[in-house]
Amino acid sequence: MTAYTATVTVRLKRGVLDPEAETTQKTLERLGFELADLRSADQFEVDLDADDADSAAERADEMAQRLLANPTLHDYDVVVEEQAE
């Protein structure tokens, strides 16, 4: 088994109300920043042991589907990296 870190980034789907992002975007615009759009996201880092990176990604994907993300409201990405020894 090899140690991996799976990073799961969960964000609201486009079109779903995101009050935190709206407030942040308005404030950034008042500060002089020009933005096309802004969305907030939650990021989870999961350390796990797996036979290979694909297996680690499958386990992290299952975690996202079962708990970390609501498929009706959220999109998510999974990135897996092998931990340095």
N, C-alpha and C. Protein backbone atom coordinates (compact mmCIF):
# COMPACT_ATOMS: atom_id res chain seq x y z
N MET A 1 0.84 -1.18 0.00
CA MET A 1 0.00 0.00 0.00
C MET A 1 0.89 1.25 0.00
N THR A 2 0.38 2.26 -0.65
CA THR A 2 1.09 3.53 -0.76
C THR A 2 0.23 4.63 -0.14
N ALA A 3 0.87 5.61 0.47
CA ALA A 3 0.15 6.74 1.08
C ALA A 3 -0.12 7.81 0.02
N TYR A 4 -1.36 8.26 -0.03
CA TYR A 4 -1.78 9.30 -0.97
C TYR A 4 -2.53 10.39 -0.22
N THR A 5 -2.55 11.56 -0.81
CA THR A 5 -3.42 12.64 -0.36
C THR A 5 -4.38 12.95 -1.50
N ALA A 6 -5.66 12.82 -1.21
CA ALA A 6 -6.70 13.15 -2.18
C ALA A 6 -7.28 14.51 -1.79
N THR A 7 -7.26 15.44 -2.73
CA THR A 7 -7.85 16.75 -2.49
C THR A 7 -9.17 16.81 -3.24
N VAL A 8 -10.25 17.00 -2.47
CA VAL A 8 -11.59 17.08 -3.04
C VAL A 8 -12.06 18.53 -2.92
N THR A 9 -12.30 19.17 -4.05
CA THR A 9 -12.79 20.55 -4.07
C THR A 9 -14.26 20.52 -4.45
N VAL A 10 -15.09 21.06 -3.57
CA VAL A 10 -16.54 21.06 -3.76
C VAL A 10 -17.01 22.50 -3.93
N ARG A 11 -17.76 22.76 -5.01
CA ARG A 11 -18.29 24.11 -5.23
C ARG A 11 -19.73 24.00 -5.71
N LEU A 12 -20.47 25.06 -5.48
CA LEU A 12 -21.86 25.10 -5.95
C LEU A 12 -21.88 25.12 -7.48
N LYS A 13 -22.87 24.45 -8.05
CA LYS A 13 -23.02 24.47 -9.51
C LYS A 13 -23.36 25.89 -9.96
N ARG A 14 -23.00 26.19 -11.20
CA ARG A 14 -23.36 27.50 -11.76
C ARG A 14 -24.88 27.64 -11.74
N GLY A 15 -25.33 28.82 -11.35
CA GLY A 15 -26.76 29.08 -11.28
C GLY A 15 -27.35 28.85 -9.90
N VAL A 16 -26.63 28.17 -9.01
CA VAL A 16 -27.10 27.98 -7.64
C VAL A 16 -26.66 29.19 -6.83
N LEU A 17 -27.58 29.74 -6.06
CA LEU A 17 -27.31 30.93 -5.27
C LEU A 17 -26.11 30.71 -4.35
N ASP A 18 -25.15 31.63 -4.38
CA ASP A 18 -23.94 31.55 -3.58
C ASP A 18 -23.74 32.89 -2.87
N PRO A 19 -24.46 33.12 -1.76
CA PRO A 19 -24.41 34.42 -1.09
C PRO A 19 -23.01 34.82 -0.64
N GLU A 20 -22.22 33.87 -0.18
CA GLU A 20 -20.85 34.18 0.26
C GLU A 20 -20.03 34.73 -0.90
N ALA A 21 -20.12 34.09 -2.05
CA ALA A 21 -19.37 34.54 -3.22
C ALA A 21 -19.89 35.89 -3.72
N GLU A 22 -21.20 36.07 -3.70
CA GLU A 22 -21.78 37.35 -4.15
C GLU A 22 -21.27 38.50 -3.30
N THR A 23 -21.28 38.33 -1.99
CA THR A 23 -20.80 39.37 -1.08
C THR A 23 -19.32 39.65 -1.31
N THR A 24 -18.54 38.60 -1.45
CA THR A 24 -17.10 38.75 -1.68
C THR A 24 -16.83 39.44 -3.01
N GLN A 25 -17.56 39.06 -4.04
CA GLN A 25 -17.37 39.68 -5.36
C GLN A 25 -17.70 41.17 -5.32
N LYS A 26 -18.81 41.52 -4.68
CA LYS A 26 -19.19 42.94 -4.59
C LYS A 26 -18.12 43.74 -3.84
N THR A 27 -17.59 43.16 -2.78
CA THR A 27 -16.55 43.85 -2.01
C THR A 27 -15.28 44.02 -2.83
N LEU A 28 -14.88 42.97 -3.54
CA LEU A 28 -13.68 43.07 -4.40
C LEU A 28 -13.88 44.12 -5.49
N GLU A 29 -15.08 44.18 -6.05
CA GLU A 29 -15.36 45.19 -7.09
C GLU A 29 -15.30 46.60 -6.51
N ARG A 30 -15.79 46.77 -5.26
CA ARG A 30 -15.70 48.09 -4.61
C ARG A 30 -14.25 48.47 -4.34
N LEU A 31 -13.40 47.47 -4.20
CA LEU A 31 -11.98 47.73 -3.99
C LEU A 31 -11.23 47.96 -5.30
N GLY A 32 -11.95 47.91 -6.41
CA GLY A 32 -11.35 48.22 -7.69
C GLY A 32 -10.96 47.02 -8.55
N PHE A 33 -11.28 45.82 -8.11
CA PHE A 33 -10.98 44.63 -8.90
C PHE A 33 -12.12 44.34 -9.87
N GLU A 34 -11.77 44.07 -11.12
CA GLU A 34 -12.78 43.72 -12.11
C GLU A 34 -12.87 42.21 -12.20
N LEU A 35 -14.07 41.66 -11.98
CA LEU A 35 -14.27 40.22 -11.99
C LEU A 35 -15.39 39.85 -12.95
N ALA A 36 -15.21 38.75 -13.66
CA ALA A 36 -16.29 38.23 -14.49
C ALA A 36 -17.25 37.42 -13.61
N ASP A 37 -16.70 36.69 -12.64
CA ASP A 37 -17.52 35.85 -11.76
C ASP A 37 -16.64 35.39 -10.60
N LEU A 38 -17.27 34.98 -9.54
CA LEU A 38 -16.57 34.46 -8.38
C LEU A 38 -17.45 33.39 -7.75
N ARG A 39 -16.86 32.27 -7.40
CA ARG A 39 -17.60 31.23 -6.70
C ARG A 39 -16.77 30.78 -5.50
N SER A 40 -17.45 30.46 -4.43
CA SER A 40 -16.75 29.93 -3.25
C SER A 40 -16.65 28.41 -3.39
N ALA A 41 -15.71 27.83 -2.64
CA ALA A 41 -15.50 26.39 -2.69
C ALA A 41 -15.02 25.90 -1.33
N ASP A 42 -15.31 24.65 -1.04
CA ASP A 42 -14.76 23.97 0.13
C ASP A 42 -13.75 22.97 -0.37
N GLN A 43 -12.66 22.82 0.38
CA GLN A 43 -11.63 21.87 -0.03
C GLN A 43 -11.33 20.93 1.13
N PHE A 44 -11.32 19.64 0.82
CA PHE A 44 -11.04 18.60 1.80
C PHE A 44 -9.78 17.86 1.36
N GLU A 45 -8.84 17.67 2.29
CA GLU A 45 -7.65 16.87 2.02
C GLU A 45 -7.77 15.59 2.82
N VAL A 46 -7.74 14.46 2.12
CA VAL A 46 -7.92 13.16 2.74
C VAL A 46 -6.64 12.36 2.55
N ASP A 47 -6.01 11.97 3.66
CA ASP A 47 -4.83 11.10 3.58
C ASP A 47 -5.33 9.66 3.67
N LEU A 48 -4.89 8.83 2.73
CA LEU A 48 -5.33 7.44 2.71
C LEU A 48 -4.28 6.54 2.08
N ASP A 49 -4.37 5.26 2.39
CA ASP A 49 -3.50 4.27 1.79
C ASP A 49 -4.28 3.53 0.71
N ALA A 50 -3.64 3.27 -0.42
CA ALA A 50 -4.28 2.56 -1.52
C ALA A 50 -3.23 1.84 -2.34
N ASP A 51 -3.68 0.89 -3.15
CA ASP A 51 -2.76 0.14 -4.01
C ASP A 51 -2.13 1.01 -5.08
N ASP A 52 -2.91 1.98 -5.59
CA ASP A 52 -2.40 2.88 -6.63
C ASP A 52 -3.22 4.16 -6.63
N ALA A 53 -2.80 5.12 -7.44
CA ALA A 53 -3.46 6.43 -7.47
C ALA A 53 -4.91 6.31 -7.95
N ASP A 54 -5.17 5.42 -8.90
CA ASP A 54 -6.54 5.24 -9.39
C ASP A 54 -7.47 4.74 -8.28
N SER A 55 -6.98 3.81 -7.47
CA SER A 55 -7.79 3.30 -6.35
C SER A 55 -8.04 4.40 -5.32
N ALA A 56 -7.02 5.20 -5.05
CA ALA A 56 -7.19 6.32 -4.11
C ALA A 56 -8.23 7.30 -4.65
N ALA A 57 -8.17 7.59 -5.95
CA ALA A 57 -9.12 8.52 -6.56
C ALA A 57 -10.54 7.96 -6.51
N GLU A 58 -10.69 6.67 -6.73
CA GLU A 58 -12.02 6.04 -6.66
C GLU A 58 -12.60 6.15 -5.26
N ARG A 59 -11.77 5.93 -4.24
CA ARG A 59 -12.25 6.03 -2.86
C ARG A 59 -12.63 7.47 -2.52
N ALA A 60 -11.82 8.43 -2.94
CA ALA A 60 -12.13 9.84 -2.68
C ALA A 60 -13.39 10.25 -3.43
N ASP A 61 -13.56 9.76 -4.64
CA ASP A 61 -14.77 10.05 -5.42
C ASP A 61 -16.01 9.51 -4.70
N GLU A 62 -15.90 8.31 -4.15
CA GLU A 62 -17.03 7.73 -3.41
C GLU A 62 -17.35 8.57 -2.18
N MET A 63 -16.31 9.06 -1.50
CA MET A 63 -16.53 9.93 -0.33
C MET A 63 -17.28 11.19 -0.74
N ALA A 64 -16.88 11.76 -1.87
CA ALA A 64 -17.53 12.98 -2.36
C ALA A 64 -18.99 12.70 -2.69
N GLN A 65 -19.24 11.60 -3.37
CA GLN A 65 -20.61 11.26 -3.77
C GLN A 65 -21.51 10.97 -2.57
N ARG A 66 -20.95 10.32 -1.55
CA ARG A 66 -21.76 9.88 -0.42
C ARG A 66 -21.92 10.92 0.69
N LEU A 67 -20.95 11.86 0.79
CA LEU A 67 -21.04 12.80 1.91
C LEU A 67 -20.59 14.22 1.60
N LEU A 68 -19.46 14.37 0.94
CA LEU A 68 -18.85 15.70 0.82
C LEU A 68 -19.58 16.63 -0.13
N ALA A 69 -20.28 16.08 -1.13
CA ALA A 69 -20.98 16.91 -2.11
C ALA A 69 -22.42 16.42 -2.27
N ASN A 70 -23.31 17.35 -2.50
CA ASN A 70 -24.69 17.03 -2.85
C ASN A 70 -24.79 17.16 -4.36
N PRO A 71 -25.00 16.05 -5.09
CA PRO A 71 -24.96 16.11 -6.56
C PRO A 71 -26.01 17.04 -7.17
N THR A 72 -27.05 17.36 -6.44
CA THR A 72 -28.05 18.30 -6.93
C THR A 72 -27.52 19.73 -6.93
N LEU A 73 -26.69 20.05 -5.95
CA LEU A 73 -26.22 21.43 -5.77
C LEU A 73 -24.75 21.65 -6.14
N HIS A 74 -23.95 20.60 -6.05
CA HIS A 74 -22.50 20.77 -6.15
C HIS A 74 -21.86 20.05 -7.33
N ASP A 75 -20.76 20.63 -7.79
CA ASP A 75 -19.79 19.97 -8.65
C ASP A 75 -18.57 19.73 -7.77
N TYR A 76 -17.77 18.74 -8.12
CA TYR A 76 -16.55 18.53 -7.35
C TYR A 76 -15.45 17.97 -8.25
N ASP A 77 -14.21 18.17 -7.81
CA ASP A 77 -13.03 17.66 -8.48
C ASP A 77 -12.21 16.88 -7.46
N VAL A 78 -11.56 15.83 -7.93
CA VAL A 78 -10.67 15.04 -7.08
C VAL A 78 -9.28 15.04 -7.72
N VAL A 79 -8.28 15.40 -6.93
CA VAL A 79 -6.88 15.34 -7.37
C VAL A 79 -6.13 14.49 -6.35
N VAL A 80 -5.38 13.51 -6.86
CA VAL A 80 -4.65 12.61 -5.96
C VAL A 80 -3.15 12.76 -6.20
N GLU A 81 -2.41 12.85 -5.09
CA GLU A 81 -0.95 12.92 -5.16
C GLU A 81 -0.37 11.92 -4.19
N GLU A 82 0.71 11.28 -4.60
CA GLU A 82 1.41 10.37 -3.70
C GLU A 82 2.15 11.20 -2.67
N GLN A 83 2.09 10.75 -1.41
CA GLN A 83 2.78 11.48 -0.35
C GLN A 83 4.27 11.19 -0.44
N ALA A 84 5.07 12.22 -0.18
CA ALA A 84 6.52 12.06 -0.15
C ALA A 84 6.91 11.24 1.07
N GLU A 85 7.92 10.45 0.92
CA GLU A 85 8.36 9.60 2.04
C GLU A 85 9.15 10.36 3.04
